[in-house]
PDB file of N, CA and C in Angstrom:
ATOM      1  N   MET A   1     -35.513 -42.525 -46.849  1.00  0.00           N
ATOM      2  CA  MET A   1     -35.713 -43.244 -45.319  1.00  0.00           C
ATOM      3  C   MET A   1     -35.641 -42.449 -44.243  1.00  0.00           C
ATOM      4  N   LYS A   2     -34.572 -41.319 -44.261  1.00  0.00           N
ATOM      5  CA  LYS A   2     -34.088 -40.361 -43.151  1.00  0.00           C
ATOM      6  C   LYS A   2     -35.328 -39.345 -42.792  1.00  0.00           C
ATOM      7  N   SER A   3     -36.386 -39.118 -43.883  1.00  0.00           N
ATOM      8  CA  SER A   3     -37.070 -38.333 -44.089  1.00  0.00           C
ATOM      9  C   SER A   3     -38.017 -38.994 -42.777  1.00  0.00           C
ATOM     10  N   GLN A   4     -38.551 -39.852 -43.647  1.00  0.00           N
ATOM     11  CA  GLN A   4     -39.407 -40.514 -43.230  1.00  0.00           C
ATOM     12  C   GLN A   4     -39.211 -41.158 -41.463  1.00  0.00           C
ATOM     13  N   CYS A   5     -38.248 -41.021 -40.974  1.00  0.00           N
ATOM     14  CA  CYS A   5     -37.710 -41.495 -39.573  1.00  0.00           C
ATOM     15  C   CYS A   5     -37.739 -40.066 -38.908  1.00  0.00           C
ATOM     16  N   ASN A   6     -37.615 -38.742 -39.504  1.00  0.00           N
ATOM     17  CA  ASN A   6     -37.364 -37.599 -38.959  1.00  0.00           C
ATOM     18  C   ASN A   6     -38.875 -37.123 -38.739  1.00  0.00           C
ATOM     19  N   THR A   7     -39.802 -37.478 -39.617  1.00  0.00           N
ATOM     20  CA  THR A   7     -41.260 -37.359 -39.363  1.00  0.00           C
ATOM     21  C   THR A   7     -41.901 -38.271 -38.494  1.00  0.00           C
ATOM     22  N   LEU A   8     -41.560 -39.249 -38.385  1.00  0.00           N
ATOM     23  CA  LEU A   8     -42.190 -40.237 -36.952  1.00  0.00           C
ATOM     24  C   LEU A   8     -41.474 -39.440 -35.846  1.00  0.00           C
ATOM     25  N   LEU A   9     -40.305 -39.081 -35.599  1.00  0.00           N
ATOM     26  CA  LEU A   9     -39.545 -38.608 -34.172  1.00  0.00           C
ATOM     27  C   LEU A   9     -40.471 -37.249 -33.855  1.00  0.00           C
ATOM     28  N   ILE A  10     -40.995 -36.549 -35.164  1.00  0.00           N
ATOM     29  CA  ILE A  10     -41.445 -35.018 -34.694  1.00  0.00           C
ATOM     30  C   ILE A  10     -42.885 -35.617 -34.359  1.00  0.00           C
ATOM     31  N   ALA A  11     -43.774 -36.450 -35.007  1.00  0.00           N
ATOM     32  CA  ALA A  11     -44.775 -36.829 -34.656  1.00  0.00           C
ATOM     33  C   ALA A  11     -44.984 -37.363 -32.942  1.00  0.00           C
ATOM     34  N   THR A  12     -43.910 -38.252 -32.881  1.00  0.00           N
ATOM     35  CA  THR A  12     -44.178 -38.821 -31.633  1.00  0.00           C
ATOM     36  C   THR A  12     -43.551 -37.613 -30.853  1.00  0.00           C
ATOM     37  N   ALA A  13     -43.130 -36.977 -30.880  1.00  0.00           N
ATOM     38  CA  ALA A  13     -42.763 -35.730 -29.982  1.00  0.00           C
ATOM     39  C   ALA A  13     -43.861 -34.860 -29.673  1.00  0.00           C
ATOM     40  N   LEU A  14     -44.345 -34.379 -30.670  1.00  0.00           N
ATOM     41  CA  LEU A  14     -45.916 -34.105 -30.370  1.00  0.00           C
ATOM     42  C   LEU A  14     -46.859 -34.378 -29.398  1.00  0.00           C
ATOM     43  N   VAL A  15     -46.652 -35.896 -29.863  1.00  0.00           N
ATOM     44  CA  VAL A  15     -48.149 -36.643 -28.974  1.00  0.00           C
ATOM     45  C   VAL A  15     -47.608 -36.527 -27.802  1.00  0.00           C
ATOM     46  N   PHE A  16     -46.016 -36.987 -27.503  1.00  0.00           N
ATOM     47  CA  PHE A  16     -45.861 -37.050 -25.943  1.00  0.00           C
ATOM     48  C   PHE A  16     -45.950 -35.414 -25.291  1.00  0.00           C
ATOM     49  N   TYR A  17     -45.675 -34.516 -26.345  1.00  0.00           N
ATOM     50  CA  TYR A  17     -46.067 -33.130 -25.557  1.00  0.00           C
ATOM     51  C   TYR A  17     -47.435 -32.476 -25.406  1.00  0.00           C
ATOM     52  N   TRP A  18     -48.378 -33.326 -25.969  1.00  0.00           N
ATOM     53  CA  TRP A  18     -49.495 -33.353 -26.036  1.00  0.00           C
ATOM     54  C   TRP A  18     -50.069 -34.005 -24.994  1.00  0.00           C
ATOM     55  N   ILE A  19     -49.653 -35.348 -24.512  1.00  0.00           N
ATOM     56  CA  ILE A  19     -49.713 -36.290 -23.643  1.00  0.00           C
ATOM     57  C   ILE A  19     -49.721 -35.473 -22.090  1.00  0.00           C
ATOM     58  N   LEU A  20     -48.130 -35.221 -22.244  1.00  0.00           N
ATOM     59  CA  LEU A  20     -47.892 -34.633 -21.001  1.00  0.00           C
ATOM     60  C   LEU A  20     -48.557 -33.142 -20.674  1.00  0.00           C
ATOM     61  N   TYR A  21     -48.673 -32.234 -21.259  1.00  0.00           N
ATOM     62  CA  TYR A  21     -49.868 -31.099 -21.233  1.00  0.00           C
ATOM     63  C   TYR A  21     -50.900 -31.531 -20.482  1.00  0.00           C
ATOM     64  N   SER A  22     -51.586 -32.551 -21.730  1.00  0.00           N
ATOM     65  CA  SER A  22     -52.798 -33.018 -20.942  1.00  0.00           C
ATOM     66  C   SER A  22     -52.706 -33.585 -19.421  1.00  0.00           C
ATOM     67  N   VAL A  23     -51.887 -34.361 -19.004  1.00  0.00           N
ATOM     68  CA  VAL A  23     -51.840 -34.752 -17.458  1.00  0.00           C
ATOM     69  C   VAL A  23     -51.329 -33.617 -16.725  1.00  0.00           C
ATOM     70  N   THR A  24     -50.550 -32.895 -17.060  1.00  0.00           N
ATOM     71  CA  THR A  24     -50.188 -31.670 -16.170  1.00  0.00           C
ATOM     72  C   THR A  24     -51.467 -30.947 -16.225  1.00  0.00           C
ATOM     73  N   LYS A  25     -51.983 -30.355 -16.878  1.00  0.00           N
ATOM     74  CA  LYS A  25     -53.546 -30.102 -16.838  1.00  0.00           C
ATOM     75  C   LYS A  25     -54.583 -30.446 -16.029  1.00  0.00           C
ATOM     76  N   LEU A  26     -54.678 -31.722 -15.964  1.00  0.00           N
ATOM     77  CA  LEU A  26     -55.393 -32.699 -15.124  1.00  0.00           C
ATOM     78  C   LEU A  26     -55.197 -32.482 -13.603  1.00  0.00           C
ATOM     79  N   VAL A  27     -53.492 -32.751 -13.442  1.00  0.00           N
ATOM     80  CA  VAL A  27     -52.883 -32.492 -12.211  1.00  0.00           C
ATOM     81  C   VAL A  27     -53.394 -31.080 -11.109  1.00  0.00           C
ATOM     82  N   VAL A  28     -53.228 -30.247 -12.134  1.00  0.00           N
ATOM     83  CA  VAL A  28     -53.308 -29.036 -11.594  1.00  0.00           C
ATOM     84  C   VAL A  28     -54.959 -28.637 -11.367  1.00  0.00           C
ATOM     85  N   ARG A  29     -55.899 -29.184 -12.352  1.00  0.00           N
ATOM     86  CA  ARG A  29     -57.110 -29.163 -11.973  1.00  0.00           C
ATOM     87  C   ARG A  29     -57.793 -29.603 -10.521  1.00  0.00           C
ATOM     88  N   VAL A  30     -57.281 -31.277 -10.383  1.00  0.00           N
ATOM     89  CA  VAL A  30     -57.394 -32.117  -9.449  1.00  0.00           C
ATOM     90  C   VAL A  30     -56.642 -31.049  -8.210  1.00  0.00           C
ATOM     91  N   ASP A  31     -55.766 -30.760  -8.057  1.00  0.00           N
ATOM     92  CA  ASP A  31     -55.034 -29.939  -7.108  1.00  0.00           C
ATOM     93  C   ASP A  31     -55.985 -28.611  -6.505  1.00  0.00           C
ATOM     94  N   GLN A  32     -56.526 -27.867  -7.462  1.00  0.00           N
ATOM     95  CA  GLN A  32     -57.686 -26.835  -7.288  1.00  0.00           C
ATOM     96  C   GLN A  32     -58.633 -27.346  -6.489  1.00  0.00           C
ATOM     97  N   LEU A  33     -59.528 -28.691  -7.305  1.00  0.00           N
ATOM     98  CA  LEU A  33     -60.276 -29.061  -6.593  1.00  0.00           C
ATOM     99  C   LEU A  33     -60.252 -29.211  -5.054  1.00  0.00           C
ATOM    100  N   ASN A  34     -59.181 -29.693  -4.710  1.00  0.00           N
ATOM    101  CA  ASN A  34     -58.491 -30.144  -3.485  1.00  0.00           C
ATOM    102  C   ASN A  34     -58.692 -29.107  -2.446  1.00  0.00           C
ATOM    103  N   GLN A  35     -57.879 -28.055  -3.148  1.00  0.00           N
ATOM    104  CA  GLN A  35     -58.186 -26.806  -2.125  1.00  0.00           C
ATOM    105  C   GLN A  35     -59.445 -26.004  -1.842  1.00  0.00           C
ATOM    106  N   TRP A  36     -60.024 -26.155  -3.066  1.00  0.00           N
ATOM    107  CA  TRP A  36     -61.460 -25.924  -2.813  1.00  0.00           C
ATOM    108  C   TRP A  36     -62.065 -26.719  -1.916  1.00  0.00           C
ATOM    109  N   VAL A  37     -62.185 -27.963  -2.123  1.00  0.00           N
ATOM    110  CA  VAL A  37     -62.965 -28.882  -0.828  1.00  0.00           C
ATOM    111  C   VAL A  37     -61.988 -28.623   0.436  1.00  0.00           C
ATOM    112  N   ASP A  38     -60.995 -28.231   0.635  1.00  0.00           N
ATOM    113  CA  ASP A  38     -60.535 -27.971   1.923  1.00  0.00           C
ATOM    114  C   ASP A  38     -60.889 -26.809   2.282  1.00  0.00           C
ATOM    115  N   HIS A  39     -60.906 -26.072   1.510  1.00  0.00           N
ATOM    116  CA  HIS A  39     -61.464 -24.402   1.801  1.00  0.00           C
ATOM    117  C   HIS A  39     -63.177 -24.544   2.466  1.00  0.00           C
ATOM    118  N   ASN A  40     -63.852 -25.099   1.540  1.00  0.00           N
ATOM    119  CA  ASN A  40     -65.309 -25.311   1.617  1.00  0.00           C
ATOM    120  C   ASN A  40     -65.568 -26.261   2.624  1.00  0.00           C
ATOM    121  N   GLY A  41     -64.828 -27.508   3.037  1.00  0.00           N
ATOM    122  CA  GLY A  41     -64.979 -28.505   3.548  1.00  0.00           C
ATOM    123  C   GLY A  41     -66.196 -29.346   3.016  1.00  0.00           C
ATOM    124  N   TRP A  42     -66.251 -30.728   3.850  1.00  0.00           N
ATOM    125  CA  TRP A  42     -67.109 -31.540   3.007  1.00  0.00           C
ATOM    126  C   TRP A  42     -68.172 -31.358   3.196  1.00  0.00           C
ATOM    127  N   ARG A  43     -68.833 -30.785   4.052  1.00  0.00           N
ATOM    128  CA  ARG A  43     -70.345 -30.596   4.270  1.00  0.00           C
ATOM    129  C   ARG A  43     -70.908 -29.902   2.828  1.00  0.00           C
ATOM    130  N   TRP A  44     -70.306 -29.246   2.193  1.00  0.00           N
ATOM    131  CA  TRP A  44     -71.227 -28.798   1.015  1.00  0.00           C
ATOM    132  C   TRP A  44     -71.374 -29.991  -0.007  1.00  0.00           C
ATOM    133  N   TRP A  45     -69.881 -30.512   0.076  1.00  0.00           N
ATOM    134  CA  TRP A  45     -70.069 -31.693  -1.147  1.00  0.00           C
ATOM    135  C   TRP A  45     -70.851 -32.944  -0.984  1.00  0.00           C
ATOM    136  N   LEU A  46     -71.181 -33.292   0.701  1.00  0.00           N
ATOM    137  CA  LEU A  46     -72.115 -34.176   1.164  1.00  0.00           C
ATOM    138  C   LEU A  46     -73.498 -33.689   0.998  1.00  0.00           C
ATOM    139  N   ILE A  47     -73.901 -32.551   1.225  1.00  0.00           N
ATOM    140  CA  ILE A  47     -75.188 -31.978   1.032  1.00  0.00           C
ATOM    141  C   ILE A  47     -75.431 -32.269  -0.428  1.00  0.00           C
ATOM    142  N   THR A  48     -74.558 -31.692  -1.361  1.00  0.00           N
ATOM    143  CA  THR A  48     -74.753 -31.886  -3.079  1.00  0.00           C
ATOM    144  C   THR A  48     -75.100 -33.231  -3.450  1.00  0.00           C
ATOM    145  N   VAL A  49     -74.279 -34.076  -3.294  1.00  0.00           N
ATOM    146  CA  VAL A  49     -74.337 -35.503  -3.074  1.00  0.00           C
ATOM    147  C   VAL A  49     -75.618 -35.893  -2.659  1.00  0.00           C
ATOM    148  N   MET A  50     -76.272 -35.733  -1.621  1.00  0.00           N
ATOM    149  CA  MET A  50     -77.577 -35.856  -1.195  1.00  0.00           C
ATOM    150  C   MET A  50     -78.531 -35.442  -2.124  1.00  0.00           C
ATOM    151  N   GLU A  51     -78.223 -34.459  -2.178  1.00  0.00           N
ATOM    152  CA  GLU A  51     -79.535 -33.816  -3.471  1.00  0.00           C
ATOM    153  C   GLU A  51     -79.415 -34.384  -4.720  1.00  0.00           C
ATOM    154  N   VAL A  52     -78.580 -34.713  -5.422  1.00  0.00           N
ATOM    155  CA  VAL A  52     -78.468 -35.495  -6.627  1.00  0.00           C
ATOM    156  C   VAL A  52     -79.265 -36.601  -6.397  1.00  0.00           C
ATOM    157  N   ALA A  53     -78.800 -37.542  -5.319  1.00  0.00           N
ATOM    158  CA  ALA A  53     -79.227 -38.874  -5.055  1.00  0.00           C
ATOM    159  C   ALA A  53     -80.803 -38.921  -4.891  1.00  0.00           C
ATOM    160  N   TYR A  54     -81.380 -37.999  -4.395  1.00  0.00           N
ATOM    161  CA  TYR A  54     -82.821 -37.668  -4.181  1.00  0.00           C
ATOM    162  C   TYR A  54     -83.511 -37.250  -5.582  1.00  0.00           C
TER     163      TYR A  54
END
């Protein structure tokens, strides 16, 4: 019984670590995109959206 509890604890810790890693990676990527948009301005983004729309 203790072995099963330890296995469940390890599995839960690994899933938690994976979720934390994924969210952190996503936040970093969003920050990088925001910096890129701030650097290049909204004009480029608006032109790209308009091209896709038509």
